[in-house]
C-alpha atoms as a PDB file:
ATOM      1  CA  MET A   1      -6.780  -5.678 -45.022  1.00  0.00           C
ATOM      2  CA  LYS A   2      -3.143  -5.450 -43.192  1.00  0.00           C
ATOM      3  CA  ARG A   3      -3.759  -1.644 -43.099  1.00  0.00           C
ATOM      4  CA  ILE A   4      -7.241  -2.208 -41.356  1.00  0.00           C
ATOM      5  CA  LEU A   5      -5.806  -4.796 -38.984  1.00  0.00           C
ATOM      6  CA  THR A   6      -2.928  -2.130 -37.925  1.00  0.00           C
ATOM      7  CA  TYR A   7      -5.383   0.566 -37.221  1.00  0.00           C
ATOM      8  CA  LEU A   8      -7.401  -1.799 -35.231  1.00  0.00           C
ATOM      9  CA  PHE A   9      -4.450  -2.898 -33.284  1.00  0.00           C
ATOM     10  CA  MET A  10      -3.285   0.615 -32.607  1.00  0.00           C
ATOM     11  CA  ALA A  11      -6.879   1.554 -31.527  1.00  0.00           C
ATOM     12  CA  MET A  12      -7.101  -1.187 -29.076  1.00  0.00           C
ATOM     13  CA  ALA A  13      -3.658  -0.509 -27.736  1.00  0.00           C
ATOM     14  CA  ALA A  14      -4.802   2.985 -27.423  1.00  0.00           C
ATOM     15  CA  ILE A  15      -7.833   2.025 -25.621  1.00  0.00           C
ATOM     16  CA  SER A  16      -5.892  -0.269 -23.179  1.00  0.00           C
ATOM     17  CA  LEU A  17      -3.502   2.552 -22.280  1.00  0.00           C
ATOM     18  CA  ILE A  18      -6.128   4.855 -21.616  1.00  0.00           C
ATOM     19  CA  SER A  19      -7.921   2.286 -19.310  1.00  0.00           C
ATOM     20  CA  CYS A  20      -4.906   1.479 -17.520  1.00  0.00           C
ATOM     21  CA  SER A  21      -4.116   5.198 -17.149  1.00  0.00           C
ATOM     22  CA  ASP A  22      -7.615   5.669 -15.687  1.00  0.00           C
ATOM     23  CA  ALA A  23      -7.269   2.895 -13.272  1.00  0.00           C
ATOM     24  CA  LYS A  24      -4.103   4.282 -11.897  1.00  0.00           C
ATOM     25  CA  ARG A  25      -5.486   7.736 -11.791  1.00  0.00           C
ATOM     26  CA  LYS A  26      -8.644   6.752  -9.813  1.00  0.00           C
ATOM     27  CA  GLN A  27      -6.466   4.594  -7.562  1.00  0.00           C
ATOM     28  CA  ALA A  28      -4.186   7.408  -6.668  1.00  0.00           C
ATOM     29  CA  LEU A  29      -7.275   9.479  -5.819  1.00  0.00           C
ATOM     30  CA  LEU A  30      -8.404   6.964  -3.175  1.00  0.00           C
ATOM     31  CA  PRO A  31      -7.880   8.008   0.363  1.00  0.00           C
ATOM     32  CA  ASN A  32      -5.477   6.212   2.785  1.00  0.00           C
ATOM     33  CA  ILE A  33      -6.923   3.343   4.921  1.00  0.00           C
ATOM     34  CA  SER A  34      -7.893   3.783   8.392  1.00  0.00           C
ATOM     35  CA  GLY A  35      -8.291   1.276  11.265  1.00  0.00           C
ATOM     36  CA  LYS A  36      -5.695  -0.283  13.694  1.00  0.00           C
ATOM     37  CA  ALA A  37      -3.302  -3.064  12.474  1.00  0.00           C
ATOM     38  CA  GLY A  38      -4.698  -6.545  12.913  1.00  0.00           C
ATOM     39  CA  GLU A  39      -8.299  -5.338  12.748  1.00  0.00           C
ATOM     40  CA  VAL A  40     -10.953  -6.455  10.500  1.00  0.00           C
ATOM     41  CA  ILE A  41     -14.460  -5.034   9.852  1.00  0.00           C
ATOM     42  CA  VAL A  42     -16.987  -7.784   9.160  1.00  0.00           C
ATOM     43  CA  VAL A  43     -20.161  -6.492   7.247  1.00  0.00           C
ATOM     44  CA  ILE A  44     -22.940  -8.806   8.195  1.00  0.00           C
ATOM     45  CA  ASP A  45     -26.586  -8.835   9.548  1.00  0.00           C
ATOM     46  CA  LYS A  46     -26.605  -9.164  13.338  1.00  0.00           C
ATOM     47  CA  GLY A  47     -28.509 -12.402  13.346  1.00  0.00           C
ATOM     48  CA  GLN A  48     -25.912 -13.936  10.923  1.00  0.00           C
ATOM     49  CA  TRP A  49     -23.150 -12.667  13.099  1.00  0.00           C
ATOM     50  CA  GLU A  50     -24.598 -14.298  16.331  1.00  0.00           C
ATOM     51  CA  GLY A  51     -25.334 -17.491  14.280  1.00  0.00           C
ATOM     52  CA  ALA A  52     -23.376 -20.114  12.549  1.00  0.00           C
ATOM     53  CA  VAL A  53     -21.664 -17.794   9.823  1.00  0.00           C
ATOM     54  CA  GLY A  54     -20.326 -15.606  12.624  1.00  0.00           C
ATOM     55  CA  THR A  55     -19.162 -18.654  14.741  1.00  0.00           C
ATOM     56  CA  VAL A  56     -17.263 -20.023  11.818  1.00  0.00           C
ATOM     57  CA  LEU A  57     -15.702 -16.553  10.980  1.00  0.00           C
ATOM     58  CA  ARG A  58     -14.587 -16.126  14.539  1.00  0.00           C
ATOM     59  CA  ASP A  59     -13.226 -19.754  14.780  1.00  0.00           C
ATOM     60  CA  SER A  60     -11.166 -18.964  11.549  1.00  0.00           C
ATOM     61  CA  LEU A  61     -10.030 -15.412  12.176  1.00  0.00           C
ATOM     62  CA  ALA A  62     -10.267 -14.750  15.942  1.00  0.00           C
ATOM     63  CA  CYS A  63      -8.770 -17.985  17.107  1.00  0.00           C
ATOM     64  CA  GLU A  64      -5.980 -17.818  19.405  1.00  0.00           C
ATOM     65  CA  CYS A  65      -2.662 -16.562  17.921  1.00  0.00           C
ATOM     66  CA  PRO A  66      -0.181 -19.190  18.095  1.00  0.00           C
ATOM     67  CA  PHE A  67       3.223 -18.934  19.968  1.00  0.00           C
ATOM     68  CA  LEU A  68       2.070 -15.909  22.197  1.00  0.00           C
ATOM     69  CA  PRO A  69       2.611 -16.099  26.113  1.00  0.00           C
ATOM     70  CA  GLN A  70      -0.809 -14.503  26.548  1.00  0.00           C
ATOM     71  CA  SER A  71      -4.008 -15.312  24.802  1.00  0.00           C
ATOM     72  CA  GLU A  72      -4.532 -12.937  21.850  1.00  0.00           C
ATOM     73  CA  PRO A  73      -6.644 -13.359  18.999  1.00  0.00           C
ATOM     74  CA  LEU A  74      -5.254 -13.824  15.406  1.00  0.00           C
ATOM     75  CA  TYR A  75      -7.340 -10.628  14.271  1.00  0.00           C
ATOM     76  CA  THR A  76      -9.777  -8.440  16.071  1.00  0.00           C
ATOM     77  CA  LEU A  77     -13.090  -8.803  14.369  1.00  0.00           C
ATOM     78  CA  VAL A  78     -15.572  -5.828  14.576  1.00  0.00           C
ATOM     79  CA  ASN A  79     -19.071  -6.517  13.321  1.00  0.00           C
ATOM     80  CA  VAL A  80     -20.848  -3.788  11.399  1.00  0.00           C
ATOM     81  CA  ALA A  81     -24.408  -4.164   9.963  1.00  0.00           C
ATOM     82  CA  PRO A  82     -24.862  -3.559   6.376  1.00  0.00           C
ATOM     83  CA  ASN A  83     -26.904  -0.455   6.755  1.00  0.00           C
ATOM     84  CA  GLY A  84     -24.266   0.966   8.963  1.00  0.00           C
ATOM     85  CA  PHE A  85     -21.410   0.260   6.357  1.00  0.00           C
ATOM     86  CA  THR A  86     -20.859   4.129   5.784  1.00  0.00           C
ATOM     87  CA  GLN A  87     -17.838   5.870   4.393  1.00  0.00           C
ATOM     88  CA  MET A  88     -16.311   5.769   7.711  1.00  0.00           C
ATOM     89  CA  PHE A  89     -16.011   2.017   7.735  1.00  0.00           C
ATOM     90  CA  GLN A  90     -15.452   1.672   3.929  1.00  0.00           C
ATOM     91  CA  ILE A  91     -11.864   3.095   4.056  1.00  0.00           C
ATOM     92  CA  HIS A  92     -10.876   0.575   6.771  1.00  0.00           C
ATOM     93  CA  ARG A  93      -7.676  -1.443   6.118  1.00  0.00           C
ATOM     94  CA  ASN A  94      -9.416  -4.894   6.295  1.00  0.00           C
ATOM     95  CA  ILE A  95     -13.094  -5.568   5.314  1.00  0.00           C
ATOM     96  CA  ILE A  96     -15.113  -8.828   4.843  1.00  0.00           C
ATOM     97  CA  ILE A  97     -18.531  -8.379   3.242  1.00  0.00           C
ATOM     98  CA  VAL A  98     -20.695 -11.357   4.009  1.00  0.00           C
ATOM     99  CA  ASN A  99     -23.671 -11.090   1.331  1.00  0.00           C
ATOM    100  CA  ILE A 100     -26.157 -13.858   2.063  1.00  0.00           C
ATOM    101  CA  LYS A 101     -29.157 -13.474  -0.365  1.00  0.00           C
ATOM    102  CA  PRO A 102     -31.482 -16.089  -2.017  1.00  0.00           C
ATOM    103  CA  ASP A 103     -30.752 -14.457  -5.488  1.00  0.00           C
ATOM    104  CA  VAL A 104     -26.984 -15.193  -5.313  1.00  0.00           C
ATOM    105  CA  THR A 105     -26.330 -17.245  -8.492  1.00  0.00           C
ATOM    106  CA  GLU A 106     -22.586 -17.483  -8.324  1.00  0.00           C
ATOM    107  CA  PRO A 107     -21.635 -18.563  -4.633  1.00  0.00           C
ATOM    108  CA  GLY A 108     -17.910 -17.987  -3.665  1.00  0.00           C
ATOM    109  CA  VAL A 109     -15.308 -15.893  -1.990  1.00  0.00           C
ATOM    110  CA  VAL A 110     -13.908 -12.982  -4.021  1.00  0.00           C
ATOM    111  CA  PHE A 111     -10.691 -11.080  -3.033  1.00  0.00           C
ATOM    112  CA  LYS A 112     -10.223  -7.615  -3.908  1.00  0.00           C
ATOM    113  CA  ASN A 113      -7.647  -4.690  -3.505  1.00  0.00           C
ATOM    114  CA  ASP A 114      -8.129  -0.901  -3.015  1.00  0.00           C
ATOM    115  CA  VAL A 115     -11.850  -0.833  -3.511  1.00  0.00           C
ATOM    116  CA  TRP A 116     -12.710   2.171  -1.246  1.00  0.00           C
ATOM    117  CA  ALA A 117      -9.276   3.182  -0.001  1.00  0.00           C
ATOM    118  CA  ARG A 118      -5.351   2.101  -0.272  1.00  0.00           C
ATOM    119  CA  PRO A 119      -3.793   0.014   0.412  1.00  0.00           C
ATOM    120  CA  GLN A 120      -7.075  -2.056   1.303  1.00  0.00           C
ATOM    121  CA  CYS A 121      -7.932  -5.690   1.484  1.00  0.00           C
ATOM    122  CA  VAL A 122     -11.629  -6.514   0.786  1.00  0.00           C
ATOM    123  CA  ILE A 123     -12.967 -10.193   0.962  1.00  0.00           C
ATOM    124  CA  ARG A 124     -16.514 -10.646  -0.269  1.00  0.00           C
ATOM    125  CA  ILE A 125     -18.561 -13.899   0.630  1.00  0.00           C
ATOM    126  CA  ASN A 126     -21.389 -14.472  -1.613  1.00  0.00           C
ATOM    127  CA  ALA A 127     -23.900 -17.143  -0.890  1.00  0.00           C
ATOM    128  CA  ALA A 128     -27.627 -17.935  -1.055  1.00  0.00           C
ATOM    129  CA  ASP A 129     -28.111 -19.319   2.412  1.00  0.00           C
ATOM    130  CA  SER A 130     -26.257 -19.453   5.705  1.00  0.00           C
ATOM    131  CA  ASP A 131     -25.116 -23.178   5.189  1.00  0.00           C
ATOM    132  CA  THR A 132     -23.471 -22.303   1.839  1.00  0.00           C
ATOM    133  CA  ALA A 133     -21.654 -19.544   3.668  1.00  0.00           C
ATOM    134  CA  VAL A 134     -20.542 -21.588   6.323  1.00  0.00           C
ATOM    135  CA  LYS A 135     -19.176 -24.204   4.078  1.00  0.00           C
ATOM    136  CA  LEU A 136     -17.542 -21.425   1.730  1.00  0.00           C
ATOM    137  CA  ILE A 137     -15.570 -19.843   4.791  1.00  0.00           C
ATOM    138  CA  LYS A 138     -14.560 -23.160   5.929  1.00  0.00           C
ATOM    139  CA  GLU A 139     -13.079 -24.103   2.501  1.00  0.00           C
ATOM    140  CA  ASN A 140     -11.573 -20.890   2.170  1.00  0.00           C
ATOM    141  CA  SER A 141     -10.290 -20.218   5.549  1.00  0.00           C
ATOM    142  CA  SER A 142      -6.420 -20.712   5.093  1.00  0.00           C
ATOM    143  CA  ASN A 143      -6.656 -18.573   1.855  1.00  0.00           C
ATOM    144  CA  MET A 144      -8.478 -15.798   3.800  1.00  0.00           C
ATOM    145  CA  THR A 145      -5.917 -15.835   6.697  1.00  0.00           C
ATOM    146  CA  ALA A 146      -3.107 -15.735   4.092  1.00  0.00           C
ATOM    147  CA  VAL A 147      -4.546 -12.845   2.106  1.00  0.00           C
ATOM    148  CA  LEU A 148      -5.086 -10.833   5.229  1.00  0.00           C
ATOM    149  CA  GLU A 149      -1.385 -11.757   6.706  1.00  0.00           C
ATOM    150  CA  GLN A 150       0.068 -10.839   3.469  1.00  0.00           C
ATOM    151  CA  ALA A 151      -1.880  -7.403   3.140  1.00  0.00           C
ATOM    152  CA  GLU A 152      -0.777  -6.665   6.808  1.00  0.00           C
ATOM    153  CA  ARG A 153       2.734  -7.546   5.934  1.00  0.00           C
ATOM    154  CA  ASP A 154       2.985  -5.674   2.860  1.00  0.00           C
ATOM    155  CA  ARG A 155       1.855  -2.466   4.743  1.00  0.00           C
ATOM    156  CA  VAL A 156       4.672  -2.786   7.266  1.00  0.00           C
ATOM    157  CA  ILE A 157       7.080  -3.416   4.469  1.00  0.00           C
ATOM    158  CA  ALA A 158       5.971  -0.519   2.293  1.00  0.00           C
ATOM    159  CA  ASN A 159       6.128   1.823   5.389  1.00  0.00           C
ATOM    160  CA  THR A 160       9.701   0.539   6.371  1.00  0.00           C
ATOM    161  CA  LYS A 161      10.993   1.228   2.816  1.00  0.00           C
ATOM    162  CA  LYS A 162       9.718   4.714   3.195  1.00  0.00           C
ATOM    163  CA  TYR A 163      11.433   5.397   6.541  1.00  0.00           C
ATOM    164  CA  GLU A 164      14.322   2.743   6.007  1.00  0.00           C
ATOM    165  CA  GLU A 165      17.531   2.726   8.092  1.00  0.00           C
ATOM    166  CA  LEU A 166      19.964   2.612   5.100  1.00  0.00           C
ATOM    167  CA  SER A 167      23.359   1.971   6.878  1.00  0.00           C
ATOM    168  CA  LEU A 168      22.114  -1.670   8.009  1.00  0.00           C
ATOM    169  CA  ALA A 169      21.527  -3.493   4.644  1.00  0.00           C
ATOM    170  CA  PRO A 170      25.233  -3.040   3.304  1.00  0.00           C
ATOM    171  CA  VAL A 171      26.518  -4.608   6.730  1.00  0.00           C
ATOM    172  CA  VAL A 172      24.151  -7.536   6.553  1.00  0.00           C
ATOM    173  CA  THR A 173      24.695  -7.964   2.806  1.00  0.00           C
ATOM    174  CA  GLU A 174      28.657  -8.280   3.329  1.00  0.00           C
ATOM    175  CA  MET A 175      28.005 -11.167   5.464  1.00  0.00           C
ATOM    176  CA  VAL A 176      25.048 -13.324   3.931  1.00  0.00           C
ATOM    177  CA  GLY A 177      24.575 -11.852   0.325  1.00  0.00           C
ATOM    178  CA  GLY A 178      21.490  -9.962   1.006  1.00  0.00           C
ATOM    179  CA  SER A 179      19.464  -8.319   3.592  1.00  0.00           C
ATOM    180  CA  PRO A 180      16.058  -7.489   5.079  1.00  0.00           C
ATOM    181  CA  HIS A 181      14.849  -3.752   5.058  1.00  0.00           C
ATOM    182  CA  PHE A 182      15.128  -2.293   8.380  1.00  0.00           C
ATOM    183  CA  PRO A 183      12.812   0.396   9.762  1.00  0.00           C
ATOM    184  CA  SER A 184      14.417   3.613  11.137  1.00  0.00           C
ATOM    185  CA  GLY A 185      15.415   3.261  14.870  1.00  0.00           C
ATOM    186  CA  TYR A 186      16.869  -0.335  14.316  1.00  0.00           C
ATOM    187  CA  LYS A 187      20.761  -0.151  15.129  1.00  0.00           C
ATOM    188  CA  ILE A 188      23.206  -2.937  15.299  1.00  0.00           C
ATOM    189  CA  LYS A 189      24.022  -4.221  18.682  1.00  0.00           C
ATOM    190  CA  LYS A 190      26.696  -6.960  17.898  1.00  0.00           C
ATOM    191  CA  LYS A 191      28.675  -8.041  14.829  1.00  0.00           C
ATOM    192  CA  THR A 192      31.038 -10.981  14.144  1.00  0.00           C
ATOM    193  CA  GLU A 193      32.021 -12.655  10.846  1.00  0.00           C
ATOM    194  CA  ASP A 194      29.090 -14.970  11.144  1.00  0.00           C
ATOM    195  CA  PHE A 195      26.295 -13.241  13.227  1.00  0.00           C
ATOM    196  CA  ILE A 196      24.562  -9.928  13.337  1.00  0.00           C
ATOM    197  CA  TRP A 197      22.518  -8.711  16.204  1.00  0.00           C
ATOM    198  CA  ILE A 198      20.149  -5.735  15.161  1.00  0.00           C
ATOM    199  CA  GLU A 199      17.661  -4.463  17.638  1.00  0.00           C
ATOM    200  CA  TYR A 200      14.880  -1.739  18.170  1.00  0.00           C
ATOM    201  CA  ASN A 201      14.213  -0.531  21.754  1.00  0.00           C
ATOM    202  CA  PRO A 202      11.486   1.707  22.271  1.00  0.00           C
ATOM    203  CA  GLN A 203      10.379   2.005  26.082  1.00  0.00           C
ATOM    204  CA  TYR A 204       9.689  -1.361  27.684  1.00  0.00           C
ATOM    205  CA  VAL A 205       9.805  -3.183  24.399  1.00  0.00           C
ATOM    206  CA  THR A 206      12.580  -4.903  22.504  1.00  0.00           C
ATOM    207  CA  GLN A 207      12.050  -6.095  18.749  1.00  0.00           C
ATOM    208  CA  GLY A 208      15.324  -7.843  17.637  1.00  0.00           C
ATOM    209  CA  VAL A 209      16.449  -9.527  14.553  1.00  0.00           C
ATOM    210  CA  LEU A 210      19.314 -11.899  14.715  1.00  0.00           C
ATOM    211  CA  ILE A 211      21.110 -12.868  11.348  1.00  0.00           C
ATOM    212  CA  TYR A 212      23.533 -15.739  11.377  1.00  0.00           C
ATOM    213  CA  LYS A 213      24.882 -18.523   9.207  1.00  0.00           C
ATOM    214  CA  TYR A 214      26.611 -21.926   9.655  1.00  0.00           C
ATOM    215  CA  PRO A 215      28.126 -24.465   7.452  1.00  0.00           C
ATOM    216  CA  VAL A 216      26.273 -27.194   5.576  1.00  0.00           C
ATOM    217  CA  VAL A 217      27.426 -30.618   6.565  1.00  0.00           C
ATOM    218  CA  ASP A 218      27.188 -33.399   3.934  1.00  0.00           C
ATOM    219  CA  GLY A 219      24.926 -36.093   5.010  1.00  0.00           C
ATOM    220  CA  GLU A 220      22.886 -33.937   7.407  1.00  0.00           C
ATOM    221  CA  GLN A 221      19.222 -32.970   6.843  1.00  0.00           C
ATOM    222  CA  MET A 222      20.030 -29.171   7.242  1.00  0.00           C
ATOM    223  CA  MET A 223      16.414 -28.054   6.998  1.00  0.00           C
ATOM    224  CA  ASP A 224      15.026 -30.519   9.440  1.00  0.00           C
ATOM    225  CA  LEU A 225      13.645 -28.919  12.551  1.00  0.00           C
ATOM    226  CA  ASP A 226      15.832 -30.550  14.920  1.00  0.00           C
ATOM    227  CA  ASN A 227      18.976 -29.689  12.889  1.00  0.00           C
ATOM    228  CA  ILE A 228      17.940 -26.009  12.702  1.00  0.00           C
ATOM    229  CA  LEU A 229      17.078 -25.917  16.366  1.00  0.00           C
ATOM    230  CA  GLU A 230      20.501 -27.432  17.312  1.00  0.00           C
ATOM    231  CA  ASN A 231      22.489 -24.896  15.247  1.00  0.00           C
ATOM    232  CA  SER A 232      20.331 -21.935  16.408  1.00  0.00           C
ATOM    233  CA  ASN A 233      20.932 -22.717  20.140  1.00  0.00           C
ATOM    234  CA  ARG A 234      24.585 -22.959  19.487  1.00  0.00           C
ATOM    235  CA  MET A 235      24.651 -19.670  17.722  1.00  0.00           C
ATOM    236  CA  LEU A 236      22.485 -18.292  20.467  1.00  0.00           C
ATOM    237  CA  MET A 237      24.418 -19.363  23.506  1.00  0.00           C
ATOM    238  CA  ASN A 238      27.725 -18.102  22.033  1.00  0.00           C
ATOM    239  CA  ASN A 239      26.448 -14.756  20.910  1.00  0.00           C
ATOM    240  CA  VAL A 240      23.319 -13.542  22.844  1.00  0.00           C
ATOM    241  CA  PRO A 241      24.229 -13.241  26.713  1.00  0.00           C
ATOM    242  CA  GLY A 242      21.859 -12.496  29.362  1.00  0.00           C
ATOM    243  CA  MET A 243      22.023  -9.915  31.891  1.00  0.00           C
ATOM    244  CA  PHE A 244      23.966 -12.018  34.393  1.00  0.00           C
ATOM    245  CA  ASP A 245      26.742 -14.658  34.270  1.00  0.00           C
ATOM    246  CA  ASN A 246      25.901 -17.950  32.911  1.00  0.00           C
ATOM    247  CA  THR A 247      22.735 -16.732  31.224  1.00  0.00           C
ATOM    248  CA  TYR A 248      22.175 -16.668  27.411  1.00  0.00           C
ATOM    249  CA  MET A 249      19.185 -16.806  24.984  1.00  0.00           C
ATOM    250  CA  THR A 250      18.056 -20.338  23.917  1.00  0.00           C
ATOM    251  CA  ILE A 251      14.925 -21.657  22.229  1.00  0.00           C
ATOM    252  CA  SER A 252      12.411 -22.761  24.682  1.00  0.00           C
ATOM    253  CA  ASP A 253      11.441 -26.487  24.797  1.00  0.00           C
ATOM    254  CA  PHE A 254       8.472 -25.845  26.867  1.00  0.00           C
ATOM    255  CA  ALA A 255       6.288 -25.881  23.669  1.00  0.00           C
ATOM    256  CA  ARG A 256       7.903 -27.414  20.573  1.00  0.00           C
ATOM    257  CA  PRO A 257       8.406 -25.122  17.817  1.00  0.00           C
ATOM    258  CA  SER A 258       6.466 -25.438  14.668  1.00  0.00           C
ATOM    259  CA  ILE A 259       7.925 -25.710  11.095  1.00  0.00           C
ATOM    260  CA  GLU A 260       6.448 -24.738   7.839  1.00  0.00           C
ATOM    261  CA  TYR A 261       8.186 -24.938   4.622  1.00  0.00           C
ATOM    262  CA  LYS A 262       7.339 -21.897   2.483  1.00  0.00           C
ATOM    263  CA  LYS A 263       8.263 -19.926  -0.763  1.00  0.00           C
ATOM    264  CA  TYR A 264       7.847 -16.073  -0.873  1.00  0.00           C
ATOM    265  CA  LYS A 265       9.036 -13.898  -3.731  1.00  0.00           C
ATOM    266  CA  GLY A 266      11.327 -16.907  -5.066  1.00  0.00           C
ATOM    267  CA  LEU A 267      12.977 -17.567  -2.082  1.00  0.00           C
ATOM    268  CA  ASP A 268      12.290 -21.156  -0.493  1.00  0.00           C
ATOM    269  CA  PHE A 269      12.709 -21.226   3.256  1.00  0.00           C
ATOM    270  CA  ALA A 270      11.580 -23.143   6.469  1.00  0.00           C
ATOM    271  CA  GLU A 271       9.722 -20.895   8.841  1.00  0.00           C
ATOM    272  CA  ILE A 272       9.913 -21.810  12.437  1.00  0.00           C
ATOM    273  CA  ARG A 273       7.756 -20.235  15.093  1.00  0.00           C
ATOM    274  CA  GLY A 274       8.198 -20.933  19.019  1.00  0.00           C
ATOM    275  CA  PHE A 275       9.530 -19.138  22.235  1.00  0.00           C
ATOM    276  CA  TRP A 276      12.722 -17.952  23.199  1.00  0.00           C
ATOM    277  CA  GLU A 277      13.921 -17.734  26.720  1.00  0.00           C
ATOM    278  CA  VAL A 278      17.136 -16.918  28.588  1.00  0.00           C
ATOM    279  CA  GLU A 279      18.798 -19.852  30.299  1.00  0.00           C
ATOM    280  CA  ASN A 280      19.033 -19.468  34.170  1.00  0.00           C
ATOM    281  CA  ASP A 281      16.919 -16.177  34.156  1.00  0.00           C
ATOM    282  CA  PHE A 282      13.109 -15.413  33.756  1.00  0.00           C
ATOM    283  CA  MET A 283      13.164 -13.507  30.488  1.00  0.00           C
ATOM    284  CA  GLY A 284      11.374 -14.891  27.244  1.00  0.00           C
ATOM    285  CA  GLY A 285       8.960 -14.201  24.489  1.00  0.00           C
ATOM    286  CA  PRO A 286       7.902 -15.206  21.090  1.00  0.00           C
ATOM    287  CA  PHE A 287      10.060 -15.649  17.890  1.00  0.00           C
ATOM    288  CA  VAL A 288       9.758 -16.491  14.130  1.00  0.00           C
ATOM    289  CA  SER A 289      12.716 -17.472  12.121  1.00  0.00           C
ATOM    290  CA  HIS A 290      13.512 -18.140   8.435  1.00  0.00           C
ATOM    291  CA  ALA A 291      16.211 -20.649   7.524  1.00  0.00           C
ATOM    292  CA  PHE A 292      17.438 -21.042   4.019  1.00  0.00           C
ATOM    293  CA  TYR A 293      20.475 -21.851   1.707  1.00  0.00           C
ATOM    294  CA  SER A 294      23.085 -19.307   0.767  1.00  0.00           C
ATOM    295  CA  LYS A 295      23.187 -18.712  -3.005  1.00  0.00           C
ATOM    296  CA  ASP A 296      26.338 -21.150  -3.353  1.00  0.00           C
ATOM    297  CA  GLY A 297      24.516 -23.668  -1.082  1.00  0.00           C
ATOM    298  CA  LYS A 298      27.417 -24.002   1.119  1.00  0.00           C
ATOM    299  CA  GLU A 299      25.884 -22.363   4.295  1.00  0.00           C
ATOM    300  CA  VAL A 300      22.564 -22.076   5.895  1.00  0.00           C
ATOM    301  CA  ILE A 301      21.439 -18.472   6.587  1.00  0.00           C
ATOM    302  CA  VAL A 302      18.922 -17.854   9.347  1.00  0.00           C
ATOM    303  CA  LEU A 303      16.962 -14.594  10.143  1.00  0.00           C
ATOM    304  CA  GLN A 304      15.373 -14.597  13.612  1.00  0.00           C
ATOM    305  CA  GLY A 305      12.938 -12.034  14.753  1.00  0.00           C
ATOM    306  CA  PHE A 306      12.143 -11.934  18.387  1.00  0.00           C
ATOM    307  CA  VAL A 307       9.965  -9.832  20.672  1.00  0.00           C
ATOM    308  CA  TYR A 308      10.427  -9.071  24.311  1.00  0.00           C
ATOM    309  CA  ALA A 309       7.524  -6.841  25.633  1.00  0.00           C
ATOM    310  CA  PRO A 310       6.661  -7.957  29.355  1.00  0.00           C
ATOM    311  CA  LYS A 311       4.113  -5.325  29.766  1.00  0.00           C
ATOM    312  CA  TYR A 312       2.195  -5.285  26.420  1.00  0.00           C
ATOM    313  CA  ASP A 313       0.369  -7.811  23.951  1.00  0.00           C
ATOM    314  CA  LYS A 314       2.927  -8.879  21.550  1.00  0.00           C
ATOM    315  CA  ARG A 315       0.835  -9.900  18.447  1.00  0.00           C
ATOM    316  CA  GLN A 316       1.431  -6.654  16.595  1.00  0.00           C
ATOM    317  CA  TYR A 317       5.072  -6.369  17.655  1.00  0.00           C
ATOM    318  CA  LEU A 318       5.818  -9.916  16.511  1.00  0.00           C
ATOM    319  CA  ARG A 319       3.975  -9.095  13.100  1.00  0.00           C
ATOM    320  CA  GLN A 320       6.145  -6.147  12.723  1.00  0.00           C
ATOM    321  CA  VAL A 321       9.372  -8.041  13.107  1.00  0.00           C
ATOM    322  CA  GLU A 322       8.212 -10.895  11.145  1.00  0.00           C
ATOM    323  CA  SER A 323       7.657  -8.421   8.160  1.00  0.00           C
ATOM    324  CA  VAL A 324      11.123  -7.231   8.513  1.00  0.00           C
ATOM    325  CA  ILE A 325      12.527 -10.790   8.007  1.00  0.00           C
ATOM    326  CA  TYR A 326       9.959 -11.318   5.159  1.00  0.00           C
ATOM    327  CA  SER A 327      11.446  -8.385   3.299  1.00  0.00           C
ATOM    328  CA  PHE A 328      14.676 -10.101   2.745  1.00  0.00           C
ATOM    329  CA  GLU A 329      16.234  -9.578  -0.717  1.00  0.00           C
ATOM    330  CA  TRP A 330      19.387 -10.824  -2.423  1.00  0.00           C
ATOM    331  CA  ALA A 331      21.688  -8.106  -3.412  1.00  0.00           C
ATOM    332  CA  LYS A 332      21.731  -7.258  -7.037  1.00  0.00           C
ATOM    333  CA  ASN A 333      24.503  -8.809  -8.970  1.00  0.00           C
ATOM    334  CA  GLU A 334      25.571 -10.713  -5.836  1.00  0.00           C
ATOM    335  CA  ASP A 335      27.349 -14.001  -6.521  1.00  0.00           C
ATOM    336  CA  LYS A 336      27.306 -15.233  -3.149  1.00  0.00           C
END
């Protein structure tokens, strides 16, 4: 009996390995994705698209992107009828398929990766009628947005690691014990013992990442929004001058920044979104920052990504720099 069980176990293990190998081989043969960043193909009947289902999808995914100086949708939705969903559209980066049929017995929202291409995000909404579809979209709106955001971010990070500016991570790691991954083209603009300014400057656009740290003060709520803003403004005033005398970067109080406490790949942090501006000047734009404790808990580390692009829409530029700060990793065998 033991010998039979051993053979069965070995056979099952072999089948598992073959299946895993086949899945990897199939994935490797998939074509690369197509489509623009921030774009989502929505496969749905025209009547449903123009009705309640389409309205709730637009309200959820094409609503105004927060903290941008001009109005831009969170995602650009492109409607494709089911009979027009050909191979040309099947390899798109982000796809939502709305399947509304009376014979649907298991309504729900299903998330899949790499169905027709890679790296692809596919969301399928199964419902027997329009009312159920509307309810499912409302209930899963935040999950759908989070999955799309993560897919877009992962693509940027993967591409960054492929074409990384490898000289920057050691410099940042020396100061804070870890570093984001920076794409090729980013360069150090300023460095002190507690502040590093790294920037990418294609024509008419600036994408910057500010890395700084300050000590934890006993008795203070260090991850409170007002505390973070106060310390950030002090660091910006001292380290990011404007073009003229008595000008410097600051966090705008025109619209109060938002704060959300998150955990990503084991790192707990406060995510702040808002606008930056230059005191006594007319420059400004959106920013996103992550504030978290150093490994020894003695300092607060802030990674602040910002964009200055007066001639262009800023949604994608901000997503790119946001992906940089999301790529932060502690250095291996780092004690700090």
